[in-house]
Amino acid sequence: MTVWDRPEPPNQPVPLDRERIVTAAVALADEGGLEAVSLRKIAARLDAGPMRLYRYISTKEELFDLMVDEVYAEIRPEEQPGDWREALGILARRTRQAALRHEWLADLLGGRPALGPNGLAMTEATLSAFDGVADIDTVLRAVETVSSYFIGAIRREIANLRAERSTGLSKHDWQRARGPHVTSMLATGRFPALTKAVHDGADVDAETSFATGLEWVLDAVAAKLATPPA
């Protein structure tokens, strides 16, 4: 039985329910990451005994599942997307925006399928947008391909943000600090392709990089969908 199927205990003197527990957990994670989330800290925030929380949530994995589904409510579209490309674009962009608001989400993306009500609704909206476009196996591979791209891109972006905070160096500060080393290595002539990238490559921000990569992946999926099966 999943945490969504299990009935909640009856009310006690201090009102408590899974919604309040999850809201407190998300707030703690937003403040200090997943490592800041514990039933003890949630109980203290809700002025409830820690053991009471185990009547609602059995494990930390269940709590994380509930937290992710809470954020999926921010990602799922308000209306059914017009077509598959719009659906996957919405999924990618809204997931990135949610991860920038809740950085801990990046640590939980890409695992087992989302089984909460918001996650299921989000998946339904995405798959429904492919109606009549291709067989279900092709549709699933298309969704997996785009999801793999944006999950990886989001994790990289969040990792860079965390590195900036931990070191106190922005991307450009970090590059300047390591400039002499990179310059000396490129001067050896052993890295011609990298030298060209360093000297001639455009410096784009994370949002532009994400959007460009997303369009390239969507273009590739569109080309595959347009190819008649062998």
C-alpha atoms as a PDB file:
ATOM      1  CA  MET A   1       0.000   0.000   0.000  1.00  0.00           C
ATOM      2  CA  THR A   2       1.451   3.380  -0.991  1.00  0.00           C
ATOM      3  CA  VAL A   3       1.429   6.420   1.255  1.00  0.00           C
ATOM      4  CA  TRP A   4      -1.361   7.885  -0.900  1.00  0.00           C
ATOM      5  CA  ASP A   5      -3.578   4.819  -0.336  1.00  0.00           C
ATOM      6  CA  ARG A   6      -3.069   4.601   3.421  1.00  0.00           C
ATOM      7  CA  PRO A   7      -5.772   6.403   5.443  1.00  0.00           C
ATOM      8  CA  GLU A   8      -4.676   9.153   7.793  1.00  0.00           C
ATOM      9  CA  PRO A   9      -5.009   8.721  11.562  1.00  0.00           C
ATOM     10  CA  PRO A  10      -7.857  10.502  13.348  1.00  0.00           C
ATOM     11  CA  ASN A  11      -7.258  14.060  14.526  1.00  0.00           C
ATOM     12  CA  GLN A  12      -5.399  14.621  17.777  1.00  0.00           C
ATOM     13  CA  PRO A  13      -5.336  17.659  20.131  1.00  0.00           C
ATOM     14  CA  VAL A  14      -2.679  19.296  17.915  1.00  0.00           C
ATOM     15  CA  PRO A  15      -4.080  19.256  14.341  1.00  0.00           C
ATOM     16  CA  LEU A  16      -1.868  17.291  11.992  1.00  0.00           C
ATOM     17  CA  ASP A  17      -2.166  15.809   8.526  1.00  0.00           C
ATOM     18  CA  ARG A  18       0.099  14.786   5.676  1.00  0.00           C
ATOM     19  CA  GLU A  19      -0.401  18.088   3.896  1.00  0.00           C
ATOM     20  CA  ARG A  20       0.967  20.065   6.847  1.00  0.00           C
ATOM     21  CA  ILE A  21       3.839  17.611   7.260  1.00  0.00           C
ATOM     22  CA  VAL A  22       4.796  17.844   3.596  1.00  0.00           C
ATOM     23  CA  THR A  23       4.530  21.633   3.563  1.00  0.00           C
ATOM     24  CA  ALA A  24       6.911  21.807   6.520  1.00  0.00           C
ATOM     25  CA  ALA A  25       9.286  19.317   4.896  1.00  0.00           C
ATOM     26  CA  VAL A  26       9.403  21.302   1.648  1.00  0.00           C
ATOM     27  CA  ALA A  27      10.126  24.494   3.599  1.00  0.00           C
ATOM     28  CA  LEU A  28      13.001  22.804   5.447  1.00  0.00           C
ATOM     29  CA  ALA A  29      14.429  21.423   2.202  1.00  0.00           C
ATOM     30  CA  ASP A  30      14.168  24.834   0.529  1.00  0.00           C
ATOM     31  CA  GLU A  31      16.137  26.330   3.409  1.00  0.00           C
ATOM     32  CA  GLY A  32      18.853  23.701   3.804  1.00  0.00           C
ATOM     33  CA  GLY A  33      18.545  20.905   1.251  1.00  0.00           C
ATOM     34  CA  LEU A  34      17.386  17.337   1.773  1.00  0.00           C
ATOM     35  CA  GLU A  35      19.924  16.836   4.555  1.00  0.00           C
ATOM     36  CA  ALA A  36      18.000  19.427   6.579  1.00  0.00           C
ATOM     37  CA  VAL A  37      14.819  17.324   6.465  1.00  0.00           C
ATOM     38  CA  SER A  38      14.087  15.026   9.370  1.00  0.00           C
ATOM     39  CA  LEU A  39      10.910  13.988  11.148  1.00  0.00           C
ATOM     40  CA  ARG A  40      12.325  15.518  14.342  1.00  0.00           C
ATOM     41  CA  LYS A  41      12.758  18.927  12.713  1.00  0.00           C
ATOM     42  CA  ILE A  42       9.356  18.715  11.035  1.00  0.00           C
ATOM     43  CA  ALA A  43       7.741  17.805  14.354  1.00  0.00           C
ATOM     44  CA  ALA A  44       9.414  20.773  16.048  1.00  0.00           C
ATOM     45  CA  ARG A  45       8.174  23.118  13.328  1.00  0.00           C
ATOM     46  CA  LEU A  46       4.637  21.778  13.716  1.00  0.00           C
ATOM     47  CA  ASP A  47       4.793  21.679  17.521  1.00  0.00           C
ATOM     48  CA  ALA A  48       4.021  17.965  17.503  1.00  0.00           C
ATOM     49  CA  GLY A  49       5.725  14.917  18.958  1.00  0.00           C
ATOM     50  CA  PRO A  50       8.069  13.179  16.477  1.00  0.00           C
ATOM     51  CA  MET A  51       6.449   9.784  17.050  1.00  0.00           C
ATOM     52  CA  ARG A  52       3.106  11.158  15.881  1.00  0.00           C
ATOM     53  CA  LEU A  53       4.560  11.760  12.438  1.00  0.00           C
ATOM     54  CA  TYR A  54       5.252   8.045  12.003  1.00  0.00           C
ATOM     55  CA  ARG A  55       1.515   7.474  12.072  1.00  0.00           C
ATOM     56  CA  TYR A  56       1.300   9.456   8.832  1.00  0.00           C
ATOM     57  CA  ILE A  57       4.618   8.657   7.137  1.00  0.00           C
ATOM     58  CA  SER A  58       6.559   5.434   7.663  1.00  0.00           C
ATOM     59  CA  THR A  59       9.896   6.233   6.031  1.00  0.00           C
ATOM     60  CA  LYS A  60      11.938   9.151   4.737  1.00  0.00           C
ATOM     61  CA  GLU A  61      11.508   7.715   1.225  1.00  0.00           C
ATOM     62  CA  GLU A  62       7.744   8.117   1.585  1.00  0.00           C
ATOM     63  CA  LEU A  63       8.278  11.685   2.742  1.00  0.00           C
ATOM     64  CA  PHE A  64      10.471  12.436  -0.279  1.00  0.00           C
ATOM     65  CA  ASP A  65       7.823  10.930  -2.576  1.00  0.00           C
ATOM     66  CA  LEU A  66       5.221  13.240  -1.073  1.00  0.00           C
ATOM     67  CA  MET A  67       7.528  16.250  -1.359  1.00  0.00           C
ATOM     68  CA  VAL A  68       8.232  15.567  -5.025  1.00  0.00           C
ATOM     69  CA  ASP A  69       4.537  15.160  -5.762  1.00  0.00           C
ATOM     70  CA  GLU A  70       3.872  18.454  -3.996  1.00  0.00           C
ATOM     71  CA  VAL A  71       6.284  20.185  -6.385  1.00  0.00           C
ATOM     72  CA  TYR A  72       4.797  18.351  -9.371  1.00  0.00           C
ATOM     73  CA  ALA A  73       1.665  20.392  -8.705  1.00  0.00           C
ATOM     74  CA  GLU A  74       3.741  23.408  -9.802  1.00  0.00           C
ATOM     75  CA  ILE A  75       4.925  21.604 -12.942  1.00  0.00           C
ATOM     76  CA  ARG A  76       1.762  20.004 -14.302  1.00  0.00           C
ATOM     77  CA  PRO A  77       0.053  22.144 -16.969  1.00  0.00           C
ATOM     78  CA  GLU A  78      -3.159  23.969 -16.155  1.00  0.00           C
ATOM     79  CA  GLU A  79      -4.604  22.951 -19.529  1.00  0.00           C
ATOM     80  CA  GLN A  80      -3.987  20.036 -21.851  1.00  0.00           C
ATOM     81  CA  PRO A  81      -1.073  20.928 -24.178  1.00  0.00           C
ATOM     82  CA  GLY A  82      -1.951  21.308 -27.846  1.00  0.00           C
ATOM     83  CA  ASP A  83       0.566  18.777 -29.152  1.00  0.00           C
ATOM     84  CA  TRP A  84       3.427  16.552 -28.073  1.00  0.00           C
ATOM     85  CA  ARG A  85       6.134  19.155 -28.664  1.00  0.00           C
ATOM     86  CA  GLU A  86       4.341  21.714 -26.515  1.00  0.00           C
ATOM     87  CA  ALA A  87       3.751  19.072 -23.829  1.00  0.00           C
ATOM     88  CA  LEU A  88       7.425  18.080 -23.629  1.00  0.00           C
ATOM     89  CA  GLY A  89       8.525  21.714 -23.756  1.00  0.00           C
ATOM     90  CA  ILE A  90       6.221  22.573 -20.861  1.00  0.00           C
ATOM     91  CA  LEU A  91       7.454  19.574 -18.882  1.00  0.00           C
ATOM     92  CA  ALA A  92      11.101  20.516 -19.425  1.00  0.00           C
ATOM     93  CA  ARG A  93      10.809  24.249 -18.772  1.00  0.00           C
ATOM     94  CA  ARG A  94       8.530  23.944 -15.752  1.00  0.00           C
ATOM     95  CA  THR A  95      10.689  21.244 -14.218  1.00  0.00           C
ATOM     96  CA  ARG A  96      13.711  23.537 -14.543  1.00  0.00           C
ATOM     97  CA  GLN A  97      11.810  26.466 -13.027  1.00  0.00           C
ATOM     98  CA  ALA A  98      10.621  24.279 -10.138  1.00  0.00           C
ATOM     99  CA  ALA A  99      14.174  23.023  -9.515  1.00  0.00           C
ATOM    100  CA  LEU A 100      15.459  26.596  -9.359  1.00  0.00           C
ATOM    101  CA  ARG A 101      12.835  27.308  -6.674  1.00  0.00           C
ATOM    102  CA  HIS A 102      13.420  23.974  -4.906  1.00  0.00           C
ATOM    103  CA  GLU A 103      17.036  22.983  -5.594  1.00  0.00           C
ATOM    104  CA  TRP A 104      16.660  19.705  -3.712  1.00  0.00           C
ATOM    105  CA  LEU A 105      14.310  18.510  -6.465  1.00  0.00           C
ATOM    106  CA  ALA A 106      17.344  17.970  -8.716  1.00  0.00           C
ATOM    107  CA  ASP A 107      18.554  15.268  -6.313  1.00  0.00           C
ATOM    108  CA  LEU A 108      15.292  13.319  -6.653  1.00  0.00           C
ATOM    109  CA  LEU A 109      14.648  13.588 -10.385  1.00  0.00           C
ATOM    110  CA  GLY A 110      15.062  10.599 -12.646  1.00  0.00           C
ATOM    111  CA  GLY A 111      14.207   7.848 -10.194  1.00  0.00           C
ATOM    112  CA  ARG A 112      11.205   5.558 -10.177  1.00  0.00           C
ATOM    113  CA  PRO A 113       7.947   6.693 -11.818  1.00  0.00           C
ATOM    114  CA  ALA A 114       5.921   9.323  -9.975  1.00  0.00           C
ATOM    115  CA  LEU A 115       2.850   7.648  -8.465  1.00  0.00           C
ATOM    116  CA  GLY A 116       1.326  10.569  -6.577  1.00  0.00           C
ATOM    117  CA  PRO A 117      -1.793  12.311  -7.909  1.00  0.00           C
ATOM    118  CA  ASN A 118       0.114  15.291  -9.323  1.00  0.00           C
ATOM    119  CA  GLY A 119       2.793  13.129 -10.889  1.00  0.00           C
ATOM    120  CA  LEU A 120       0.226  10.864 -12.502  1.00  0.00           C
ATOM    121  CA  ALA A 121      -1.723  13.851 -13.830  1.00  0.00           C
ATOM    122  CA  MET A 122       1.482  15.338 -15.242  1.00  0.00           C
ATOM    123  CA  THR A 123       2.388  12.079 -16.978  1.00  0.00           C
ATOM    124  CA  GLU A 124      -1.146  11.693 -18.321  1.00  0.00           C
ATOM    125  CA  ALA A 125      -1.087  15.195 -19.830  1.00  0.00           C
ATOM    126  CA  THR A 126       2.254  14.483 -21.488  1.00  0.00           C
ATOM    127  CA  LEU A 127       1.320  11.098 -22.937  1.00  0.00           C
ATOM    128  CA  SER A 128      -2.116  12.266 -24.055  1.00  0.00           C
ATOM    129  CA  ALA A 129      -0.486  14.911 -26.238  1.00  0.00           C
ATOM    130  CA  PHE A 130       0.948  12.078 -28.381  1.00  0.00           C
ATOM    131  CA  ASP A 131      -2.478  10.640 -29.160  1.00  0.00           C
ATOM    132  CA  GLY A 132      -2.441   9.340 -32.736  1.00  0.00           C
ATOM    133  CA  VAL A 133       1.183  10.365 -33.334  1.00  0.00           C
ATOM    134  CA  ALA A 134       2.979   7.041 -32.832  1.00  0.00           C
ATOM    135  CA  ASP A 135       2.746   3.668 -31.123  1.00  0.00           C
ATOM    136  CA  ILE A 136       3.082   3.684 -27.346  1.00  0.00           C
ATOM    137  CA  ASP A 137       6.622   2.247 -27.289  1.00  0.00           C
ATOM    138  CA  THR A 138       7.838   5.032 -29.580  1.00  0.00           C
ATOM    139  CA  VAL A 139       6.038   7.592 -27.423  1.00  0.00           C
ATOM    140  CA  LEU A 140       7.667   6.282 -24.264  1.00  0.00           C
ATOM    141  CA  ARG A 141      11.125   6.393 -25.861  1.00  0.00           C
ATOM    142  CA  ALA A 142      10.475   9.978 -26.985  1.00  0.00           C
ATOM    143  CA  VAL A 143       9.470  11.065 -23.491  1.00  0.00           C
ATOM    144  CA  GLU A 144      12.448   9.253 -21.960  1.00  0.00           C
ATOM    145  CA  THR A 145      14.839  10.900 -24.418  1.00  0.00           C
ATOM    146  CA  VAL A 146      13.670  14.434 -23.686  1.00  0.00           C
ATOM    147  CA  SER A 147      13.453  13.736 -19.941  1.00  0.00           C
ATOM    148  CA  SER A 148      17.021  12.431 -19.905  1.00  0.00           C
ATOM    149  CA  TYR A 149      18.177  15.673 -21.513  1.00  0.00           C
ATOM    150  CA  PHE A 150      16.444  18.105 -19.215  1.00  0.00           C
ATOM    151  CA  ILE A 151      17.108  16.150 -16.021  1.00  0.00           C
ATOM    152  CA  GLY A 152      20.822  16.077 -16.826  1.00  0.00           C
ATOM    153  CA  ALA A 153      20.847  19.758 -17.751  1.00  0.00           C
ATOM    154  CA  ILE A 154      18.993  20.705 -14.583  1.00  0.00           C
ATOM    155  CA  ARG A 155      21.333  18.698 -12.363  1.00  0.00           C
ATOM    156  CA  ARG A 156      24.369  20.337 -13.975  1.00  0.00           C
ATOM    157  CA  GLU A 157      22.906  23.812 -13.519  1.00  0.00           C
ATOM    158  CA  ILE A 158      22.027  23.186  -9.867  1.00  0.00           C
ATOM    159  CA  ALA A 159      25.485  21.696  -9.241  1.00  0.00           C
ATOM    160  CA  ASN A 160      27.064  24.865 -10.645  1.00  0.00           C
ATOM    161  CA  LEU A 161      24.859  27.059  -8.449  1.00  0.00           C
ATOM    162  CA  ARG A 162      25.854  25.054  -5.391  1.00  0.00           C
ATOM    163  CA  ALA A 163      29.533  25.294  -6.345  1.00  0.00           C
ATOM    164  CA  GLU A 164      29.253  29.075  -6.642  1.00  0.00           C
ATOM    165  CA  ARG A 165      27.783  29.284  -3.146  1.00  0.00           C
ATOM    166  CA  SER A 166      30.264  26.890  -1.567  1.00  0.00           C
ATOM    167  CA  THR A 167      33.323  28.586  -3.100  1.00  0.00           C
ATOM    168  CA  GLY A 168      32.033  32.145  -3.171  1.00  0.00           C
ATOM    169  CA  LEU A 169      33.175  32.341  -6.797  1.00  0.00           C
ATOM    170  CA  SER A 170      30.899  33.054  -9.740  1.00  0.00           C
ATOM    171  CA  LYS A 171      31.445  31.154 -12.993  1.00  0.00           C
ATOM    172  CA  HIS A 172      33.542  33.982 -14.403  1.00  0.00           C
ATOM    173  CA  ASP A 173      35.492  34.444 -11.148  1.00  0.00           C
ATOM    174  CA  TRP A 174      36.285  30.727 -11.162  1.00  0.00           C
ATOM    175  CA  GLN A 175      37.414  30.905 -14.799  1.00  0.00           C
ATOM    176  CA  ARG A 176      39.648  33.906 -14.114  1.00  0.00           C
ATOM    177  CA  ALA A 177      41.207  32.209 -11.082  1.00  0.00           C
ATOM    178  CA  ARG A 178      42.139  29.197 -13.201  1.00  0.00           C
ATOM    179  CA  GLY A 179      43.018  31.195 -16.291  1.00  0.00           C
ATOM    180  CA  PRO A 180      46.822  30.954 -15.909  1.00  0.00           C
ATOM    181  CA  HIS A 181      46.684  27.161 -15.604  1.00  0.00           C
ATOM    182  CA  VAL A 182      44.389  26.773 -18.612  1.00  0.00           C
ATOM    183  CA  THR A 183      46.491  29.199 -20.673  1.00  0.00           C
ATOM    184  CA  SER A 184      49.701  27.305 -19.922  1.00  0.00           C
ATOM    185  CA  MET A 185      48.108  23.963 -20.815  1.00  0.00           C
ATOM    186  CA  LEU A 186      46.672  25.276 -24.099  1.00  0.00           C
ATOM    187  CA  ALA A 187      50.080  26.766 -24.987  1.00  0.00           C
ATOM    188  CA  THR A 188      51.517  23.252 -25.173  1.00  0.00           C
ATOM    189  CA  GLY A 189      49.615  22.685 -28.410  1.00  0.00           C
ATOM    190  CA  ARG A 190      48.277  19.345 -27.161  1.00  0.00           C
ATOM    191  CA  PHE A 191      44.653  20.512 -27.091  1.00  0.00           C
ATOM    192  CA  PRO A 192      43.813  22.232 -30.404  1.00  0.00           C
ATOM    193  CA  ALA A 193      40.069  21.521 -30.311  1.00  0.00           C
ATOM    194  CA  LEU A 194      39.822  22.761 -26.734  1.00  0.00           C
ATOM    195  CA  THR A 195      41.882  25.846 -27.608  1.00  0.00           C
ATOM    196  CA  LYS A 196      39.432  26.726 -30.374  1.00  0.00           C
ATOM    197  CA  ALA A 197      36.496  26.245 -27.989  1.00  0.00           C
ATOM    198  CA  VAL A 198      38.075  28.482 -25.341  1.00  0.00           C
ATOM    199  CA  HIS A 199      39.028  31.274 -27.746  1.00  0.00           C
ATOM    200  CA  ASP A 200      36.134  31.170 -30.220  1.00  0.00           C
ATOM    201  CA  GLY A 201      33.216  29.599 -28.347  1.00  0.00           C
ATOM    202  CA  ALA A 202      30.307  31.851 -27.328  1.00  0.00           C
ATOM    203  CA  ASP A 203      29.666  32.290 -23.616  1.00  0.00           C
ATOM    204  CA  VAL A 204      25.931  31.736 -23.055  1.00  0.00           C
ATOM    205  CA  ASP A 205      23.930  31.773 -19.843  1.00  0.00           C
ATOM    206  CA  ALA A 206      22.293  28.691 -18.350  1.00  0.00           C
ATOM    207  CA  GLU A 207      18.796  29.545 -19.549  1.00  0.00           C
ATOM    208  CA  THR A 208      19.928  30.028 -23.160  1.00  0.00           C
ATOM    209  CA  SER A 209      21.952  26.830 -23.065  1.00  0.00           C
ATOM    210  CA  PHE A 210      18.974  24.904 -21.679  1.00  0.00           C
ATOM    211  CA  ALA A 211      16.561  26.305 -24.257  1.00  0.00           C
ATOM    212  CA  THR A 212      18.913  25.611 -27.159  1.00  0.00           C
ATOM    213  CA  GLY A 213      19.592  22.044 -26.088  1.00  0.00           C
ATOM    214  CA  LEU A 214      15.885  21.419 -25.551  1.00  0.00           C
ATOM    215  CA  GLU A 215      15.049  22.604 -29.081  1.00  0.00           C
ATOM    216  CA  TRP A 216      17.765  20.376 -30.564  1.00  0.00           C
ATOM    217  CA  VAL A 217      16.451  17.319 -28.724  1.00  0.00           C
ATOM    218  CA  LEU A 218      12.852  18.103 -29.699  1.00  0.00           C
ATOM    219  CA  ASP A 219      13.952  18.506 -33.317  1.00  0.00           C
ATOM    220  CA  ALA A 220      15.616  15.096 -33.171  1.00  0.00           C
ATOM    221  CA  VAL A 221      12.479  13.509 -31.708  1.00  0.00           C
ATOM    222  CA  ALA A 222      10.342  15.187 -34.383  1.00  0.00           C
ATOM    223  CA  ALA A 223      12.601  13.786 -37.096  1.00  0.00           C
ATOM    224  CA  LYS A 224      12.330  10.311 -35.604  1.00  0.00           C
ATOM    225  CA  LEU A 225       8.544  10.535 -35.375  1.00  0.00           C
ATOM    226  CA  ALA A 226       8.372  11.647 -39.004  1.00  0.00           C
ATOM    227  CA  THR A 227      10.390   8.637 -40.172  1.00  0.00           C
ATOM    228  CA  PRO A 228       8.149   5.765 -41.311  1.00  0.00           C
ATOM    229  CA  PRO A 229       8.797   2.528 -39.397  1.00  0.00           C
ATOM    230  CA  ALA A 230      11.012   0.048 -41.218  1.00  0.00           C
END
